[in-house]
Protein backbone atom coordinates (compact mmCIF):
# COMPACT_ATOMS: atom_id res chain seq x y z
CA MET A 1 27.00 83.15 -12.07
CA ASN A 2 24.04 84.01 -14.18
CA LYS A 3 26.21 85.39 -16.91
CA TYR A 4 28.35 82.32 -16.75
CA LYS A 5 25.32 80.07 -17.12
CA THR A 6 23.77 82.08 -19.98
CA LYS A 7 27.28 81.89 -21.86
CA GLU A 8 27.31 78.23 -21.25
CA LYS A 9 23.84 77.67 -22.60
CA THR A 10 24.86 79.87 -25.66
CA GLU A 11 27.83 78.06 -26.38
CA LYS A 12 26.06 74.68 -26.18
CA LEU A 13 23.18 76.09 -28.53
CA MET A 14 25.95 77.12 -31.06
CA LEU A 15 27.35 73.55 -30.76
CA LYS A 16 24.16 71.75 -31.60
CA LEU A 17 23.43 74.44 -34.59
CA LEU A 18 26.98 73.41 -35.88
CA LEU A 19 26.18 69.83 -35.51
CA ILE A 20 22.91 70.08 -37.16
CA GLN A 21 24.55 71.98 -40.17
CA THR A 22 27.17 69.20 -40.33
CA ASP A 23 24.60 66.46 -40.80
CA LEU A 24 22.26 68.39 -42.81
CA PRO A 25 23.87 67.55 -46.24
CA LYS A 26 23.93 63.81 -45.04
CA GLU A 27 20.21 63.78 -44.29
CA MET A 28 19.31 65.77 -47.45
CA GLY A 29 21.15 63.09 -49.49
CA ALA A 30 19.64 60.27 -47.85
CA MET A 31 16.09 61.97 -48.43
CA ALA A 32 16.88 62.68 -52.06
CA ALA A 33 18.03 58.93 -52.57
CA GLN A 34 14.82 57.60 -50.83
CA PRO A 35 12.48 58.07 -53.62
CA ASP A 36 14.58 56.00 -56.01
CA GLY A 37 14.58 53.30 -53.27
CA ILE A 38 10.82 53.02 -52.84
CA SER A 39 9.67 53.74 -56.43
CA MET A 40 7.51 50.97 -57.50
CA SER A 41 6.31 50.15 -61.01
CA PHE A 42 2.78 49.82 -62.17
CA ILE A 43 3.30 45.94 -62.44
CA ASP A 44 4.75 45.61 -58.89
CA LEU A 45 1.70 47.57 -57.35
CA ALA A 46 -0.62 45.51 -59.22
CA ILE A 47 1.13 42.32 -57.87
CA LYS A 48 0.80 43.67 -54.37
CA GLY A 49 -3.10 43.64 -55.02
CA GLY A 50 -2.92 39.97 -54.83
CA PRO A 51 -5.18 37.21 -56.72
CA VAL A 52 -8.14 39.42 -56.92
CA MET A 53 -6.31 41.58 -59.36
CA ILE A 54 -6.23 38.54 -62.01
CA PRO A 55 -10.18 38.66 -62.47
CA ILE A 56 -10.07 42.58 -62.36
CA LEU A 57 -7.46 42.54 -65.26
CA LEU A 58 -9.59 39.99 -67.28
CA LEU A 59 -12.78 42.06 -66.96
CA SER A 60 -10.72 45.24 -68.29
CA ILE A 61 -9.65 43.11 -71.31
CA VAL A 62 -13.17 41.97 -72.02
CA GLY A 63 -14.50 45.49 -71.42
CA ILE A 64 -12.05 46.99 -73.72
CA TYR A 65 -12.65 44.53 -76.51
CA VAL A 66 -16.29 44.70 -76.36
CA PHE A 67 -16.33 48.62 -76.54
CA VAL A 68 -13.75 48.69 -79.59
CA ASP A 69 -15.74 46.03 -81.32
CA ARG A 70 -19.14 47.66 -80.88
CA TYR A 71 -18.01 51.18 -81.40
CA PHE A 72 -16.87 50.59 -84.85
CA ALA A 73 -19.67 48.14 -85.76
CA ILE A 74 -22.37 50.70 -84.64
CA LYS A 75 -20.32 53.54 -86.34
CA LYS A 76 -20.52 51.69 -89.49
CA ALA A 77 -24.11 50.79 -89.17
CA GLY A 78 -25.10 54.45 -88.56
CA LYS A 79 -23.29 55.63 -92.00
CA PHE A 80 -26.52 55.75 -94.42
CA ASP A 81 -26.38 56.51 -98.06
CA THR A 82 -28.70 59.35 -98.05
CA GLY A 83 -29.23 59.10 -101.72
CA LEU A 84 -30.27 55.46 -101.57
CA LEU A 85 -33.96 56.04 -100.58
CA GLU A 86 -34.35 58.43 -103.53
CA LYS A 87 -32.75 56.07 -105.89
CA VAL A 88 -35.28 53.41 -104.76
CA LYS A 89 -37.92 55.77 -105.28
CA ILE A 90 -37.21 56.36 -108.66
CA TYR A 91 -36.92 52.60 -109.39
CA ILE A 92 -40.34 52.13 -107.71
CA THR A 93 -42.22 54.71 -109.36
CA GLY A 94 -40.67 53.48 -112.69
CA GLY A 95 -41.70 49.95 -112.07
CA LYS A 96 -38.48 48.65 -111.70
CA ILE A 97 -39.05 46.66 -108.31
CA GLU A 98 -36.04 44.12 -109.36
CA SER A 99 -33.62 46.95 -109.94
CA ALA A 100 -34.42 48.39 -106.47
CA LEU A 101 -34.17 45.27 -104.75
CA ALA A 102 -30.84 44.63 -106.48
CA LEU A 103 -29.56 48.30 -105.43
CA CYS A 104 -30.53 47.46 -101.74
CA LYS A 105 -28.88 43.90 -101.60
CA SER A 106 -25.72 45.58 -102.88
CA THR A 107 -25.42 47.78 -99.92
CA ASP A 108 -24.04 46.42 -96.57
CA ASN A 109 -25.94 48.39 -93.92
CA PRO A 110 -29.13 47.92 -91.69
CA ALA A 111 -31.20 50.50 -93.43
CA SER A 112 -30.56 48.78 -96.88
CA ARG A 113 -31.48 45.24 -95.72
CA MET A 114 -34.61 46.89 -93.97
CA LEU A 115 -35.67 48.29 -97.31
CA ALA A 116 -34.69 45.27 -99.42
CA LYS A 117 -37.17 43.34 -97.24
CA GLY A 118 -39.93 45.94 -97.85
CA ILE A 119 -39.29 45.89 -101.38
CA SER A 120 -39.79 42.13 -101.57
CA ARG A 121 -43.02 42.62 -99.86
CA ILE A 122 -44.54 45.03 -102.45
CA GLY A 123 -47.90 44.11 -103.60
CA ARG A 124 -48.95 42.68 -100.21
CA PRO A 125 -51.03 44.79 -97.43
CA LEU A 126 -49.28 47.80 -96.16
CA THR A 127 -49.38 46.22 -92.68
CA ASP A 128 -47.71 43.12 -93.77
CA VAL A 129 -44.96 45.34 -95.56
CA ASN A 130 -44.61 47.35 -92.36
CA ALA A 131 -44.38 44.22 -90.00
CA ALA A 132 -41.74 42.57 -92.17
CA ILE A 133 -39.54 45.91 -92.07
CA GLU A 134 -39.91 46.20 -88.38
CA ASN A 135 -38.97 42.40 -87.98
CA VAL A 136 -35.82 43.06 -89.80
CA GLY A 137 -35.00 46.23 -87.91
CA ASN A 138 -35.25 44.57 -84.69
CA LEU A 139 -32.88 41.81 -85.83
CA GLU A 140 -30.34 44.52 -86.73
CA ILE A 141 -30.51 46.40 -83.56
CA SER A 142 -30.29 43.20 -81.80
CA LYS A 143 -26.89 42.48 -83.64
CA LEU A 144 -25.69 45.99 -82.80
CA GLU A 145 -26.56 45.45 -79.10
CA LYS A 146 -24.58 42.22 -78.69
CA GLY A 147 -22.07 42.48 -76.05
CA LEU A 148 -23.61 45.51 -74.36
CA PRO A 149 -24.93 43.28 -71.42
CA VAL A 150 -21.27 41.78 -71.02
CA LEU A 151 -19.98 45.58 -70.80
CA ALA A 152 -22.73 46.42 -68.14
CA SER A 153 -21.67 43.35 -66.21
CA VAL A 154 -18.26 44.52 -66.35
CA ALA A 155 -19.30 47.96 -64.95
CA GLY A 156 -21.02 46.30 -62.15
CA GLY A 157 -18.71 43.44 -61.33
CA ALA A 158 -15.39 45.20 -61.17
CA PRO A 159 -16.06 47.31 -58.38
CA MET A 160 -17.41 44.43 -56.43
CA LEU A 161 -14.26 42.37 -57.08
CA GLY A 162 -12.50 45.54 -55.79
CA PHE A 163 -14.40 45.58 -52.58
CA LEU A 164 -13.86 41.70 -52.25
CA GLY A 165 -10.21 42.54 -52.37
CA THR A 166 -10.61 45.22 -49.99
CA VAL A 167 -12.09 42.90 -47.40
CA THR A 168 -9.74 39.93 -47.76
CA GLY A 169 -6.88 42.44 -47.52
CA MET A 170 -8.20 43.64 -44.18
CA VAL A 171 -8.73 40.20 -43.10
CA GLN A 172 -5.03 39.45 -43.91
CA ALA A 173 -4.01 42.48 -42.14
CA PHE A 174 -5.99 41.74 -38.88
CA TYR A 175 -4.63 38.17 -38.95
CA ASP A 176 -1.05 39.28 -39.34
CA MET A 177 -1.49 41.54 -36.32
CA ALA A 178 -3.10 38.85 -34.07
CA ASN A 179 -0.30 36.67 -34.97
CA ALA A 180 2.40 39.41 -34.27
CA GLY A 181 1.37 39.63 -30.36
CA ASN A 182 3.21 42.49 -28.92
CA ASN A 183 5.53 42.78 -31.63
CA ILE A 184 3.28 44.77 -34.02
CA ASP A 185 5.15 46.45 -36.77
CA ILE A 186 3.67 48.41 -39.92
CA THR A 187 5.64 46.30 -42.29
CA LEU A 188 3.68 43.17 -40.83
CA LEU A 189 0.37 45.10 -42.03
CA SER A 190 1.66 46.51 -45.44
CA ALA A 191 0.74 43.36 -47.61
CA GLY A 192 -3.12 43.35 -46.51
CA ILE A 193 -3.18 47.01 -46.56
CA TYR A 194 -1.79 47.20 -50.23
CA GLN A 195 -4.21 44.47 -51.14
CA ALA A 196 -7.28 46.36 -49.65
CA MET A 197 -6.23 49.64 -51.33
CA VAL A 198 -4.76 48.42 -54.85
CA THR A 199 -7.85 46.25 -55.62
CA THR A 200 -10.31 48.86 -54.47
CA VAL A 201 -8.67 51.51 -56.99
CA ALA A 202 -8.28 48.98 -59.82
CA GLY A 203 -11.90 47.87 -59.38
CA LEU A 204 -13.21 51.34 -59.44
CA ILE A 205 -11.16 52.57 -62.27
CA VAL A 206 -12.32 49.50 -64.42
CA GLY A 207 -16.00 49.71 -63.21
CA ILE A 208 -16.20 53.46 -63.89
CA THR A 209 -14.53 53.34 -67.42
CA ALA A 210 -16.94 50.45 -68.54
CA TYR A 211 -20.00 52.57 -67.20
CA PHE A 212 -18.97 55.44 -69.34
CA ALA A 213 -18.29 53.16 -72.26
CA TYR A 214 -21.61 51.45 -71.99
CA ASN A 215 -23.57 54.80 -72.08
CA ILE A 216 -21.50 55.73 -75.05
CA LEU A 217 -22.43 52.79 -76.99
CA VAL A 218 -26.29 52.90 -75.93
CA THR A 219 -26.32 56.49 -77.09
CA ASN A 220 -24.90 55.65 -80.42
CA VAL A 221 -27.32 52.52 -80.91
CA GLU A 222 -30.33 54.82 -80.13
CA SER A 223 -29.04 57.24 -82.86
CA VAL A 224 -28.97 54.21 -85.42
CA VAL A 225 -32.46 53.29 -84.16
CA PHE A 226 -33.71 56.87 -84.93
CA LYS A 227 -32.43 56.75 -88.43
CA LEU A 228 -33.99 53.30 -89.19
CA GLU A 229 -37.23 54.51 -87.79
CA LEU A 230 -37.04 57.63 -90.17
CA THR A 231 -36.08 55.34 -93.05
CA THR A 232 -38.96 53.06 -92.48
CA THR A 233 -41.52 55.85 -92.08
CA GLU A 234 -40.11 57.62 -95.47
CA PHE A 235 -40.53 54.16 -97.44
CA MET A 236 -44.01 53.64 -96.04
CA ASP A 237 -44.97 57.14 -97.11
CA LEU A 238 -43.48 56.21 -100.58
CA LEU A 239 -45.65 53.18 -100.87
CA ASN A 240 -48.63 55.32 -99.97
CA GLU A 241 -48.05 57.92 -102.53
CA PRO A 242 -50.01 57.38 -105.90
CA ILE A 243 -48.06 56.32 -108.69
């Protein structure tokens, strides 16, 4: 009897294995086709983030515009003509003040505008000349920093909007769960969970990118400030030299 039962169990086990092997290609085919069925484009994923994705998208566009505009403006301002100060020195020592002033006005950068203001004040006390140059320098730096507060606001505001989307998404998920009663299905919660996760990711991506972009611009502005201060110092030393 034991041998008969063992043989019967073996035959049943072999039958199950045969059925599994028969159904395996079908299951593998279904699994292979599944990714194509559930694939999702970036736009579809963004839409699932809900209305909060609209201000996050607007902040990303503003951040990109500010960064590109300020980056090239600061790079242009940082390109100084190294021989400009030497030419100015030659004109001033030769008594050609008008020629030095015309040379500076023909050059379009913050350093030349500062030198032009200083040259136009030659003959006055050195403190007045230095004050005039510093005032122009402050105005030039203010122009370069235009838009940086907006970029800083994007860096701080985008993650907060993302967290707002997280909260509203979870509220929607719990609301759907409460209305479902005993018929709770994961598909009922998918909309709220999608909104919660997608907005969080989008807000963090925009915020982190804007944060690094802001620091890059600040570093470049500081480099330009250093060059302007060096130019001012060399010009004031030029005026202090005996002619």
